[in-house]
């Protein structure tokens, strides 16, 4: 196989591997959200008790500290960001799990 084609093949494999890993990360984050009862109040595409995840992602899309703000809201709770309903703190979540959830939410379109 010519060298040029090897590079193209390797690049394609890397993209496929990364997209597969991303899909697994998304599935793991969704499972974590389900296990942590996040999905009782939030959905990806519609408002339930709390805002839709796509609306959260859109609100924070241009903010450099979006991940940190979401981690704080997840772990410490929040009030007044999306109306009168308060989000209870999820202090039982580790910082790593809160980060996984925050990054997952920020990717939802």
PDB file of N, CA and C in Angstrom:
ATOM      1  N   UNK A   1       0.857  -1.172   0.000  1.00  0.00           N
ATOM      2  CA  UNK A   1       0.000   0.000   0.000  1.00  0.00           C
ATOM      3  C   UNK A   1       0.907   1.240   0.000  1.00  0.00           C
ATOM      4  N   UNK A   2       0.671   2.176  -0.922  1.00  0.00           N
ATOM      5  CA  UNK A   2       1.483   3.392  -0.947  1.00  0.00           C
ATOM      6  C   UNK A   2       1.346   4.156   0.362  1.00  0.00           C
ATOM      7  N   UNK A   3       2.396   4.903   0.708  1.00  0.00           N
ATOM      8  CA  UNK A   3       2.453   5.628   1.981  1.00  0.00           C
ATOM      9  C   UNK A   3       1.287   6.618   2.136  1.00  0.00           C
ATOM     10  N   UNK A   4       0.904   7.290   1.061  1.00  0.00           N
ATOM     11  CA  UNK A   4      -0.189   8.269   1.132  1.00  0.00           C
ATOM     12  C   UNK A   4      -1.480   7.595   1.590  1.00  0.00           C
ATOM     13  N   UNK A   5      -1.761   6.416   1.044  1.00  0.00           N
ATOM     14  CA  UNK A   5      -2.976   5.711   1.410  1.00  0.00           C
ATOM     15  C   UNK A   5      -2.932   5.199   2.843  1.00  0.00           C
ATOM     16  N   UNK A   6      -1.752   4.825   3.320  1.00  0.00           N
ATOM     17  CA  UNK A   6      -1.620   4.397   4.714  1.00  0.00           C
ATOM     18  C   UNK A   6      -1.978   5.532   5.657  1.00  0.00           C
ATOM     19  N   UNK A   7      -1.537   6.741   5.334  1.00  0.00           N
ATOM     20  CA  UNK A   7      -1.835   7.899   6.184  1.00  0.00           C
ATOM     21  C   UNK A   7      -3.326   8.198   6.179  1.00  0.00           C
ATOM     22  N   UNK A   8      -3.937   8.109   5.010  1.00  0.00           N
ATOM     23  CA  UNK A   8      -5.382   8.346   4.916  1.00  0.00           C
ATOM     24  C   UNK A   8      -6.126   7.278   5.714  1.00  0.00           C
ATOM     25  N   UNK A   9      -5.719   6.037   5.574  1.00  0.00           N
ATOM     26  CA  UNK A   9      -6.375   4.950   6.304  1.00  0.00           C
ATOM     27  C   UNK A   9      -6.210   5.119   7.808  1.00  0.00           C
ATOM     28  N   UNK A  10      -5.016   5.482   8.249  1.00  0.00           N
ATOM     29  CA  UNK A  10      -4.790   5.702   9.682  1.00  0.00           C
ATOM     30  C   UNK A  10      -5.624   6.867  10.199  1.00  0.00           C
ATOM     31  N   UNK A  11      -5.712   7.923   9.424  1.00  0.00           N
ATOM     32  CA  UNK A  11      -6.520   9.079   9.838  1.00  0.00           C
ATOM     33  C   UNK A  11      -7.990   8.696   9.935  1.00  0.00           C
ATOM     34  N   UNK A  12      -8.471   7.931   8.969  1.00  0.00           N
ATOM     35  CA  UNK A  12      -9.864   7.491   8.995  1.00  0.00           C
ATOM     36  C   UNK A  12     -10.128   6.599  10.204  1.00  0.00           C
ATOM     37  N   UNK A  13      -9.199   5.712  10.503  1.00  0.00           N
ATOM     38  CA  UNK A  13      -9.362   4.849  11.674  1.00  0.00           C
ATOM     39  C   UNK A  13      -9.382   5.660  12.963  1.00  0.00           C
ATOM     40  N   UNK A  14      -8.556   6.686  13.042  1.00  0.00           N
ATOM     41  CA  UNK A  14      -8.524   7.529  14.234  1.00  0.00           C
ATOM     42  C   UNK A  14      -9.850   8.256  14.418  1.00  0.00           C
ATOM     43  N   UNK A  15     -10.408   8.765  13.319  1.00  0.00           N
ATOM     44  CA  UNK A  15     -11.705   9.454  13.395  1.00  0.00           C
ATOM     45  C   UNK A  15     -12.789   8.490  13.841  1.00  0.00           C
ATOM     46  N   UNK A  16     -12.810   7.302  13.266  1.00  0.00           N
ATOM     47  CA  UNK A  16     -13.812   6.317  13.661  1.00  0.00           C
ATOM     48  C   UNK A  16     -13.660   5.902  15.117  1.00  0.00           C
ATOM     49  N   UNK A  17     -12.440   5.719  15.554  1.00  0.00           N
ATOM     50  CA  UNK A  17     -12.202   5.350  16.953  1.00  0.00           C
ATOM     51  C   UNK A  17     -12.649   6.465  17.881  1.00  0.00           C
ATOM     52  N   UNK A  18     -12.350   7.701  17.522  1.00  0.00           N
ATOM     53  CA  UNK A  18     -12.739   8.832  18.357  1.00  0.00           C
ATOM     54  C   UNK A  18     -14.257   8.975  18.413  1.00  0.00           C
ATOM     55  N   UNK A  19     -14.936   8.800  17.288  1.00  0.00           N
ATOM     56  CA  UNK A  19     -16.389   8.912  17.297  1.00  0.00           C
ATOM     57  C   UNK A  19     -17.010   7.767  18.078  1.00  0.00           C
ATOM     58  N   UNK A  20     -16.424   6.584  18.008  1.00  0.00           N
ATOM     59  CA  UNK A  20     -16.913   5.459  18.800  1.00  0.00           C
ATOM     60  C   UNK A  20     -16.723   5.702  20.283  1.00  0.00           C
ATOM     61  N   UNK A  21     -15.565   6.244  20.650  1.00  0.00           N
ATOM     62  CA  UNK A  21     -15.303   6.569  22.057  1.00  0.00           C
ATOM     63  C   UNK A  21     -16.261   7.653  22.524  1.00  0.00           C
ATOM     64  N   UNK A  22     -16.523   8.616  21.665  1.00  0.00           N
ATOM     65  CA  UNK A  22     -17.451   9.688  22.016  1.00  0.00           C
ATOM     66  C   UNK A  22     -18.855   9.138  22.243  1.00  0.00           C
ATOM     67  N   UNK A  23     -19.263   8.204  21.403  1.00  0.00           N
ATOM     68  CA  UNK A  23     -20.581   7.591  21.571  1.00  0.00           C
ATOM     69  C   UNK A  23     -20.644   6.796  22.865  1.00  0.00           C
ATOM     70  N   UNK A  24     -19.551   6.099  23.199  1.00  0.00           N
ATOM     71  CA  UNK A  24     -19.524   5.355  24.462  1.00  0.00           C
ATOM     72  C   UNK A  24     -19.553   6.312  25.640  1.00  0.00           C
ATOM     73  N   UNK A  25     -18.816   7.438  25.544  1.00  0.00           N
ATOM     74  CA  UNK A  25     -18.829   8.433  26.610  1.00  0.00           C
ATOM     75  C   UNK A  25     -20.230   8.998  26.794  1.00  0.00           C
ATOM     76  N   UNK A  26     -20.911   9.282  25.688  1.00  0.00           N
ATOM     77  CA  UNK A  26     -22.273   9.815  25.759  1.00  0.00           C
ATOM     78  C   UNK A  26     -23.214   8.797  26.391  1.00  0.00           C
ATOM     79  N   UNK A  27     -23.074   7.537  26.018  1.00  0.00           N
ATOM     80  CA  UNK A  27     -23.916   6.492  26.601  1.00  0.00           C
ATOM     81  C   UNK A  27     -23.645   6.352  28.097  1.00  0.00           C
ATOM     82  N   UNK A  28     -22.376   6.416  28.479  1.00  0.00           N
ATOM     83  CA  UNK A  28     -22.022   6.321  29.901  1.00  0.00           C
ATOM     84  C   UNK A  28     -22.554   7.525  30.672  1.00  0.00           C
ATOM     85  N   UNK A  29     -22.465   8.712  30.074  1.00  0.00           N
ATOM     86  CA  UNK A  29     -22.975   9.912  30.738  1.00  0.00           C
ATOM     87  C   UNK A  29     -24.490   9.846  30.888  1.00  0.00           C
ATOM     88  N   UNK A  30     -25.171   9.361  29.858  1.00  0.00           N
ATOM     89  CA  UNK A  30     -26.629   9.239  29.950  1.00  0.00           C
ATOM     90  C   UNK A  30     -27.016   8.224  31.019  1.00  0.00           C
ATOM     91  N   UNK A  31     -26.273   7.130  31.107  1.00  0.00           N
ATOM     92  CA  UNK A  31     -26.532   6.136  32.155  1.00  0.00           C
ATOM     93  C   UNK A  31     -26.295   6.741  33.536  1.00  0.00           C
ATOM     94  N   UNK A  32     -25.246   7.543  33.661  1.00  0.00           N
ATOM     95  CA  UNK A  32     -24.964   8.218  34.925  1.00  0.00           C
ATOM     96  C   UNK A  32     -26.085   9.195  35.269  1.00  0.00           C
ATOM     97  N   UNK A  33     -26.573   9.937  34.274  1.00  0.00           N
ATOM     98  CA  UNK A  33     -27.680  10.871  34.499  1.00  0.00           C
ATOM     99  C   UNK A  33     -28.928  10.129  34.950  1.00  0.00           C
ATOM    100  N   UNK A  34     -29.174   8.983  34.357  1.00  0.00           N
ATOM    101  CA  UNK A  34     -30.335   8.179  34.734  1.00  0.00           C
ATOM    102  C   UNK A  34     -30.182   7.654  36.155  1.00  0.00           C
ATOM    103  N   UNK A  35     -29.017   7.116  36.458  1.00  0.00           N
ATOM    104  CA  UNK A  35     -28.740   6.565  37.789  1.00  0.00           C
ATOM    105  C   UNK A  35     -28.808   7.641  38.873  1.00  0.00           C
ATOM    106  N   UNK A  36     -28.432   8.860  38.518  1.00  0.00           N
ATOM    107  CA  UNK A  36     -28.385   9.966  39.482  1.00  0.00           C
ATOM    108  C   UNK A  36     -29.698  10.735  39.552  1.00  0.00           C
ATOM    109  N   UNK A  37     -30.719  10.263  38.879  1.00  0.00           N
ATOM    110  CA  UNK A  37     -32.066  10.848  38.867  1.00  0.00           C
ATOM    111  C   UNK A  37     -32.141  12.198  38.157  1.00  0.00           C
ATOM    112  N   UNK A  38     -31.144  12.551  37.363  1.00  0.00           N
ATOM    113  CA  UNK A  38     -31.178  13.809  36.600  1.00  0.00           C
ATOM    114  C   UNK A  38     -32.339  13.809  35.612  1.00  0.00           C
ATOM    115  N   UNK A  39     -32.611  12.625  35.046  1.00  0.00           N
ATOM    116  CA  UNK A  39     -33.631  12.525  33.998  1.00  0.00           C
ATOM    117  C   UNK A  39     -35.049  12.595  34.559  1.00  0.00           C
ATOM    118  N   UNK A  40     -35.186  12.640  35.866  1.00  0.00           N
ATOM    119  CA  UNK A  40     -36.502  12.848  36.461  1.00  0.00           C
ATOM    120  C   UNK A  40     -36.963  14.293  36.250  1.00  0.00           C
ATOM    121  N   UNK A  41     -36.008  15.208  36.129  1.00  0.00           N
ATOM    122  CA  UNK A  41     -36.329  16.630  35.978  1.00  0.00           C
ATOM    123  C   UNK A  41     -35.879  17.227  34.647  1.00  0.00           C
ATOM    124  N   UNK A  42     -34.983  16.552  33.935  1.00  0.00           N
ATOM    125  CA  UNK A  42     -34.420  17.085  32.686  1.00  0.00           C
ATOM    126  C   UNK A  42     -34.569  16.077  31.559  1.00  0.00           C
ATOM    127  N   UNK A  43     -34.733  16.591  30.353  1.00  0.00           N
ATOM    128  CA  UNK A  43     -34.716  15.782  29.129  1.00  0.00           C
ATOM    129  C   UNK A  43     -33.808  16.481  28.131  1.00  0.00           C
ATOM    130  N   UNK A  44     -33.371  15.757  27.131  1.00  0.00           N
ATOM    131  CA  UNK A  44     -32.457  16.343  26.148  1.00  0.00           C
ATOM    132  C   UNK A  44     -33.111  17.458  25.354  1.00  0.00           C
ATOM    133  N   UNK A  45     -34.371  17.267  24.969  1.00  0.00           N
ATOM    134  CA  UNK A  45     -34.959  18.187  24.000  1.00  0.00           C
ATOM    135  C   UNK A  45     -36.237  18.887  24.430  1.00  0.00           C
ATOM    136  N   UNK A  46     -36.652  18.706  25.684  1.00  0.00           N
ATOM    137  CA  UNK A  46     -37.870  19.398  26.139  1.00  0.00           C
ATOM    138  C   UNK A  46     -37.765  19.720  27.619  1.00  0.00           C
ATOM    139  N   UNK A  47     -38.415  20.799  27.993  1.00  0.00           N
ATOM    140  CA  UNK A  47     -38.449  21.221  29.394  1.00  0.00           C
ATOM    141  C   UNK A  47     -39.348  20.268  30.169  1.00  0.00           C
ATOM    142  N   UNK A  48     -38.864  19.803  31.290  1.00  0.00           N
ATOM    143  CA  UNK A  48     -39.690  19.042  32.220  1.00  0.00           C
ATOM    144  C   UNK A  48     -39.847  19.925  33.452  1.00  0.00           C
ATOM    145  N   UNK A  49     -39.353  19.513  34.573  1.00  0.00           N
ATOM    146  CA  UNK A  49     -39.306  20.366  35.767  1.00  0.00           C
ATOM    147  C   UNK A  49     -38.201  21.407  35.570  1.00  0.00           C
ATOM    148  N   UNK A  50     -37.071  20.939  35.058  1.00  0.00           N
ATOM    149  CA  UNK A  50     -35.943  21.810  34.750  1.00  0.00           C
ATOM    150  C   UNK A  50     -35.820  21.992  33.245  1.00  0.00           C
ATOM    151  N   UNK A  51     -34.871  22.797  32.827  1.00  0.00           N
ATOM    152  CA  UNK A  51     -34.712  23.087  31.396  1.00  0.00           C
ATOM    153  C   UNK A  51     -34.225  21.873  30.604  1.00  0.00           C
ATOM    154  N   UNK A  52     -34.515  21.896  29.311  1.00  0.00           N
ATOM    155  CA  UNK A  52     -33.986  20.871  28.409  1.00  0.00           C
ATOM    156  C   UNK A  52     -32.474  21.021  28.339  1.00  0.00           C
ATOM    157  N   UNK A  53     -31.783  19.907  28.235  1.00  0.00           N
ATOM    158  CA  UNK A  53     -30.325  19.964  28.142  1.00  0.00           C
ATOM    159  C   UNK A  53     -29.869  20.762  26.925  1.00  0.00           C
ATOM    160  N   UNK A  54     -30.608  20.700  25.809  1.00  0.00           N
ATOM    161  CA  UNK A  54     -30.217  21.465  24.628  1.00  0.00           C
ATOM    162  C   UNK A  54     -30.297  22.965  24.914  1.00  0.00           C
ATOM    163  N   UNK A  55     -31.233  23.379  25.755  1.00  0.00           N
ATOM    164  CA  UNK A  55     -31.350  24.790  26.123  1.00  0.00           C
ATOM    165  C   UNK A  55     -30.213  25.211  27.054  1.00  0.00           C
ATOM    166  N   UNK A  56     -29.815  24.316  27.936  1.00  0.00           N
ATOM    167  CA  UNK A  56     -28.670  24.592  28.814  1.00  0.00           C
ATOM    168  C   UNK A  56     -27.411  24.745  27.963  1.00  0.00           C
ATOM    169  N   UNK A  57     -27.205  23.810  27.035  1.00  0.00           N
ATOM    170  CA  UNK A  57     -26.031  23.871  26.155  1.00  0.00           C
ATOM    171  C   UNK A  57     -26.024  25.166  25.355  1.00  0.00           C
ATOM    172  N   UNK A  58     -27.181  25.583  24.851  1.00  0.00           N
ATOM    173  CA  UNK A  58     -27.259  26.820  24.064  1.00  0.00           C
ATOM    174  C   UNK A  58     -26.959  28.044  24.931  1.00  0.00           C
ATOM    175  N   UNK A  59     -27.469  28.055  26.156  1.00  0.00           N
ATOM    176  CA  UNK A  59     -27.245  29.198  27.045  1.00  0.00           C
ATOM    177  C   UNK A  59     -25.765  29.387  27.363  1.00  0.00           C
ATOM    178  N   UNK A  60     -25.050  28.289  27.528  1.00  0.00           N
ATOM    179  CA  UNK A  60     -23.649  28.358  27.932  1.00  0.00           C
ATOM    180  C   UNK A  60     -22.667  28.217  26.767  1.00  0.00           C
ATOM    181  N   UNK A  61     -23.166  28.146  25.542  1.00  0.00           N
ATOM    182  CA  UNK A  61     -22.331  27.844  24.375  1.00  0.00           C
ATOM    183  C   UNK A  61     -21.131  28.773  24.223  1.00  0.00           C
ATOM    184  N   UNK A  62     -21.279  30.035  24.501  1.00  0.00           N
ATOM    185  CA  UNK A  62     -20.192  30.990  24.270  1.00  0.00           C
ATOM    186  C   UNK A  62     -19.443  31.387  25.535  1.00  0.00           C
ATOM    187  N   UNK A  63     -19.641  30.643  26.605  1.00  0.00           N
ATOM    188  CA  UNK A  63     -19.006  30.998  27.872  1.00  0.00           C
ATOM    189  C   UNK A  63     -17.811  30.096  28.140  1.00  0.00           C
ATOM    190  N   UNK A  64     -16.679  30.715  28.341  1.00  0.00           N
ATOM    191  CA  UNK A  64     -15.436  29.964  28.561  1.00  0.00           C
ATOM    192  C   UNK A  64     -15.504  29.097  29.814  1.00  0.00           C
ATOM    193  N   UNK A  65     -16.229  29.533  30.817  1.00  0.00           N
ATOM    194  CA  UNK A  65     -16.302  28.793  32.081  1.00  0.00           C
ATOM    195  C   UNK A  65     -17.580  27.959  32.204  1.00  0.00           C
ATOM    196  N   UNK A  66     -18.187  27.629  31.083  1.00  0.00           N
ATOM    197  CA  UNK A  66     -19.454  26.896  31.097  1.00  0.00           C
ATOM    198  C   UNK A  66     -19.356  25.590  31.872  1.00  0.00           C
ATOM    199  N   UNK A  67     -18.312  24.817  31.605  1.00  0.00           N
ATOM    200  CA  UNK A  67     -18.153  23.527  32.281  1.00  0.00           C
ATOM    201  C   UNK A  67     -18.108  23.723  33.794  1.00  0.00           C
ATOM    202  N   UNK A  68     -17.312  24.682  34.246  1.00  0.00           N
ATOM    203  CA  UNK A  68     -17.184  24.916  35.684  1.00  0.00           C
ATOM    204  C   UNK A  68     -18.494  25.404  36.294  1.00  0.00           C
ATOM    205  N   UNK A  69     -19.230  26.247  35.571  1.00  0.00           N
ATOM    206  CA  UNK A  69     -20.522  26.711  36.081  1.00  0.00           C
ATOM    207  C   UNK A  69     -21.510  25.554  36.227  1.00  0.00           C
ATOM    208  N   UNK A  70     -21.525  24.681  35.231  1.00  0.00           N
ATOM    209  CA  UNK A  70     -22.448  23.544  35.301  1.00  0.00           C
ATOM    210  C   UNK A  70     -22.057  22.572  36.405  1.00  0.00           C
ATOM    211  N   UNK A  71     -20.768  22.320  36.562  1.00  0.00           N
ATOM    212  CA  UNK A  71     -20.321  21.450  37.649  1.00  0.00           C
ATOM    213  C   UNK A  71     -20.775  22.015  38.991  1.00  0.00           C
ATOM    214  N   UNK A  72     -20.615  23.296  39.168  1.00  0.00           N
ATOM    215  CA  UNK A  72     -21.042  23.936  40.414  1.00  0.00           C
ATOM    216  C   UNK A  72     -22.549  23.805  40.603  1.00  0.00           C
ATOM    217  N   UNK A  73     -23.324  24.055  39.552  1.00  0.00           N
ATOM    218  CA  UNK A  73     -24.779  23.926  39.658  1.00  0.00           C
ATOM    219  C   UNK A  73     -25.192  22.498  39.974  1.00  0.00           C
ATOM    220  N   UNK A  74     -24.517  21.548  39.363  1.00  0.00           N
ATOM    221  CA  UNK A  74     -24.846  20.143  39.601  1.00  0.00           C
ATOM    222  C   UNK A  74     -24.550  19.769  41.055  1.00  0.00           C
ATOM    223  N   UNK A  75     -23.375  20.085  41.515  1.00  0.00           N
ATOM    224  CA  UNK A  75     -22.966  19.640  42.852  1.00  0.00           C
ATOM    225  C   UNK A  75     -23.565  20.471  43.977  1.00  0.00           C
ATOM    226  N   UNK A  76     -23.740  21.790  43.751  1.00  0.00           N
ATOM    227  CA  UNK A  76     -24.226  22.670  44.820  1.00  0.00           C
ATOM    228  C   UNK A  76     -25.683  23.070  44.663  1.00  0.00           C
ATOM    229  N   UNK A  77     -26.279  22.746  43.528  1.00  0.00           N
ATOM    230  CA  UNK A  77     -27.646  23.163  43.258  1.00  0.00           C
ATOM    231  C   UNK A  77     -27.660  24.599  42.758  1.00  0.00           C
ATOM    232  N   UNK A  78     -28.830  25.057  42.377  1.00  0.00           N
ATOM    233  CA  UNK A  78     -28.963  26.435  41.911  1.00  0.00           C
ATOM    234  C   UNK A  78     -30.408  26.883  42.040  1.00  0.00           C
ATOM    235  N   UNK A  79     -30.595  28.185  41.996  1.00  0.00           N
ATOM    236  CA  UNK A  79     -31.941  28.748  42.065  1.00  0.00           C
ATOM    237  C   UNK A  79     -31.954  30.044  41.278  1.00  0.00           C
ATOM    238  N   UNK A  80     -33.000  30.225  40.494  1.00  0.00           N
ATOM    239  CA  UNK A  80     -33.189  31.475  39.781  1.00  0.00           C
ATOM    240  C   UNK A  80     -32.559  31.545  38.400  1.00  0.00           C
ATOM    241  N   UNK A  81     -31.786  30.546  38.002  1.00  0.00           N
ATOM    242  CA  UNK A  81     -31.182  30.572  36.665  1.00  0.00           C
ATOM    243  C   UNK A  81     -32.195  30.260  35.571  1.00  0.00           C
ATOM    244  N   UNK A  82     -33.205  29.459  35.923  1.00  0.00           N
ATOM    245  CA  UNK A  82     -34.191  29.004  34.940  1.00  0.00           C
ATOM    246  C   UNK A  82     -35.617  29.197  35.455  1.00  0.00           C
ATOM    247  N   UNK A  83     -35.809  30.133  36.336  1.00  0.00           N
ATOM    248  CA  UNK A  83     -37.131  30.355  36.902  1.00  0.00           C
ATOM    249  C   UNK A  83     -37.101  30.135  38.408  1.00  0.00           C
ATOM    250  N   UNK A  84     -38.266  29.986  38.970  1.00  0.00           N
ATOM    251  CA  UNK A  84     -38.379  29.891  40.425  1.00  0.00           C
ATOM    252  C   UNK A  84     -38.015  28.515  40.988  1.00  0.00           C
ATOM    253  N   UNK A  85     -38.126  27.476  40.181  1.00  0.00           N
ATOM    254  CA  UNK A  85     -37.844  26.130  40.673  1.00  0.00           C
ATOM    255  C   UNK A  85     -36.343  25.983  40.938  1.00  0.00           C
ATOM    256  N   UNK A  86     -36.024  25.559  42.131  1.00  0.00           N
ATOM    257  CA  UNK A  86     -34.617  25.352  42.498  1.00  0.00           C
ATOM    258  C   UNK A  86     -34.158  23.967  42.058  1.00  0.00           C
ATOM    259  N   UNK A  87     -32.897  23.869  41.698  1.00  0.00           N
ATOM    260  CA  UNK A  87     -32.296  22.571  41.425  1.00  0.00           C
ATOM    261  C   UNK A  87     -31.599  22.133  42.701  1.00  0.00           C
ATOM    262  N   UNK A  88     -31.973  20.989  43.246  1.00  0.00           N
ATOM    263  CA  UNK A  88     -31.334  20.543  44.480  1.00  0.00           C
ATOM    264  C   UNK A  88     -29.880  20.143  44.235  1.00  0.00           C
ATOM    265  N   UNK A  89     -29.046  20.299  45.233  1.00  0.00           N
ATOM    266  CA  UNK A  89     -27.646  19.895  45.076  1.00  0.00           C
ATOM    267  C   UNK A  89     -27.523  18.384  44.911  1.00  0.00           C
ATOM    268  N   UNK A  90     -26.561  17.995  44.125  1.00  0.00           N
ATOM    269  CA  UNK A  90     -26.250  16.578  43.922  1.00  0.00           C
ATOM    270  C   UNK A  90     -24.853  16.325  44.499  1.00  0.00           C
ATOM    271  N   UNK A  91     -24.708  16.627  45.766  1.00  0.00           N
ATOM    272  CA  UNK A  91     -23.406  16.566  46.443  1.00  0.00           C
ATOM    273  C   UNK A  91     -22.835  15.152  46.494  1.00  0.00           C
ATOM    274  N   UNK A  92     -23.677  14.133  46.329  1.00  0.00           N
ATOM    275  CA  UNK A  92     -23.201  12.759  46.349  1.00  0.00           C
ATOM    276  C   UNK A  92     -22.378  12.417  45.108  1.00  0.00           C
ATOM    277  N   UNK A  93     -22.504  13.235  44.054  1.00  0.00           N
ATOM    278  CA  UNK A  93     -21.723  12.993  42.836  1.00  0.00           C
ATOM    279  C   UNK A  93     -20.280  13.412  43.046  1.00  0.00           C
ATOM    280  N   UNK A  94     -19.380  12.601  42.572  1.00  0.00           N
ATOM    281  CA  UNK A  94     -17.968  12.982  42.625  1.00  0.00           C
ATOM    282  C   UNK A  94     -17.731  14.131  41.659  1.00  0.00           C
ATOM    283  N   UNK A  95     -16.634  14.831  41.845  1.00  0.00           N
ATOM    284  CA  UNK A  95     -16.275  15.910  40.926  1.00  0.00           C
ATOM    285  C   UNK A  95     -16.118  15.360  39.511  1.00  0.00           C
ATOM    286  N   UNK A  96     -15.555  14.162  39.380  1.00  0.00           N
ATOM    287  CA  UNK A  96     -15.385  13.545  38.067  1.00  0.00           C
ATOM    288  C   UNK A  96     -16.705  13.229  37.394  1.00  0.00           C
ATOM    289  N   UNK A  97     -17.659  12.700  38.165  1.00  0.00           N
ATOM    290  CA  UNK A  97     -18.966  12.396  37.590  1.00  0.00           C
ATOM    291  C   UNK A  97     -19.710  13.675  37.216  1.00  0.00           C
ATOM    292  N   UNK A  98     -19.617  14.695  38.054  1.00  0.00           N
ATOM    293  CA  UNK A  98     -20.248  15.980  37.730  1.00  0.00           C
ATOM    294  C   UNK A  98     -19.642  16.556  36.457  1.00  0.00           C
ATOM    295  N   UNK A  99     -18.343  16.395  36.282  1.00  0.00           N
ATOM    296  CA  UNK A  99     -17.688  16.883  35.067  1.00  0.00           C
ATOM    297  C   UNK A  99     -18.168  16.096  33.845  1.00  0.00           C
ATOM    298  N   UNK A 100     -18.304  14.790  33.961  1.00  0.00           N
ATOM    299  CA  UNK A 100     -18.814  13.978  32.849  1.00  0.00           C
ATOM    300  C   UNK A 100     -20.196  14.452  32.429  1.00  0.00           C
ATOM    301  N   UNK A 101     -21.046  14.692  33.427  1.00  0.00           N
ATOM    302  CA  UNK A 101     -22.397  15.159  33.121  1.00  0.00           C
ATOM    303  C   UNK A 101     -22.382  16.537  32.476  1.00  0.00           C
ATOM    304  N   UNK A 102     -21.573  17.443  33.016  1.00  0.00           N
ATOM    305  CA  UNK A 102     -21.504  18.799  32.471  1.00  0.00           C
ATOM    306  C   UNK A 102     -21.025  18.779  31.018  1.00  0.00           C
ATOM    307  N   UNK A 103     -19.983  18.021  30.738  1.00  0.00           N
ATOM    308  CA  UNK A 103     -19.468  17.951  29.367  1.00  0.00           C
ATOM    309  C   UNK A 103     -20.486  17.322  28.427  1.00  0.00           C
ATOM    310  N   UNK A 104     -21.192  16.325  28.899  1.00  0.00           N
ATOM    311  CA  UNK A 104     -22.228  15.680  28.095  1.00  0.00           C
ATOM    312  C   UNK A 104     -23.348  16.667  27.772  1.00  0.00           C
ATOM    313  N   UNK A 105     -23.824  17.387  28.775  1.00  0.00           N
ATOM    314  CA  UNK A 105     -24.891  18.363  28.564  1.00  0.00           C
ATOM    315  C   UNK A 105     -24.452  19.428  27.563  1.00  0.00           C
ATOM    316  N   UNK A 106     -23.240  19.906  27.688  1.00  0.00           N
ATOM    317  CA  UNK A 106     -22.750  20.967  26.801  1.00  0.00           C
ATOM    318  C   UNK A 106     -22.650  20.518  25.348  1.00  0.00           C
ATOM    319  N   UNK A 107     -22.599  19.221  25.092  1.00  0.00           N
ATOM    320  CA  UNK A 107     -22.512  18.703  23.716  1.00  0.00           C
ATOM    321  C   UNK A 107     -23.886  18.452  23.087  1.00  0.00           C
ATOM    322  N   UNK A 108     -24.932  18.527  23.878  1.00  0.00           N
ATOM    323  CA  UNK A 108     -26.267  18.217  23.349  1.00  0.00           C
ATOM    324  C   UNK A 108     -26.755  19.380  22.489  1.00  0.00           C
ATOM    325  N   UNK A 109     -27.218  19.043  21.326  1.00  0.00           N
ATOM    326  CA  UNK A 109     -27.725  20.048  20.386  1.00  0.00           C
ATOM    327  C   UNK A 109     -29.214  19.961  20.271  1.00  0.00           C
TER     328      UNK A 109
END
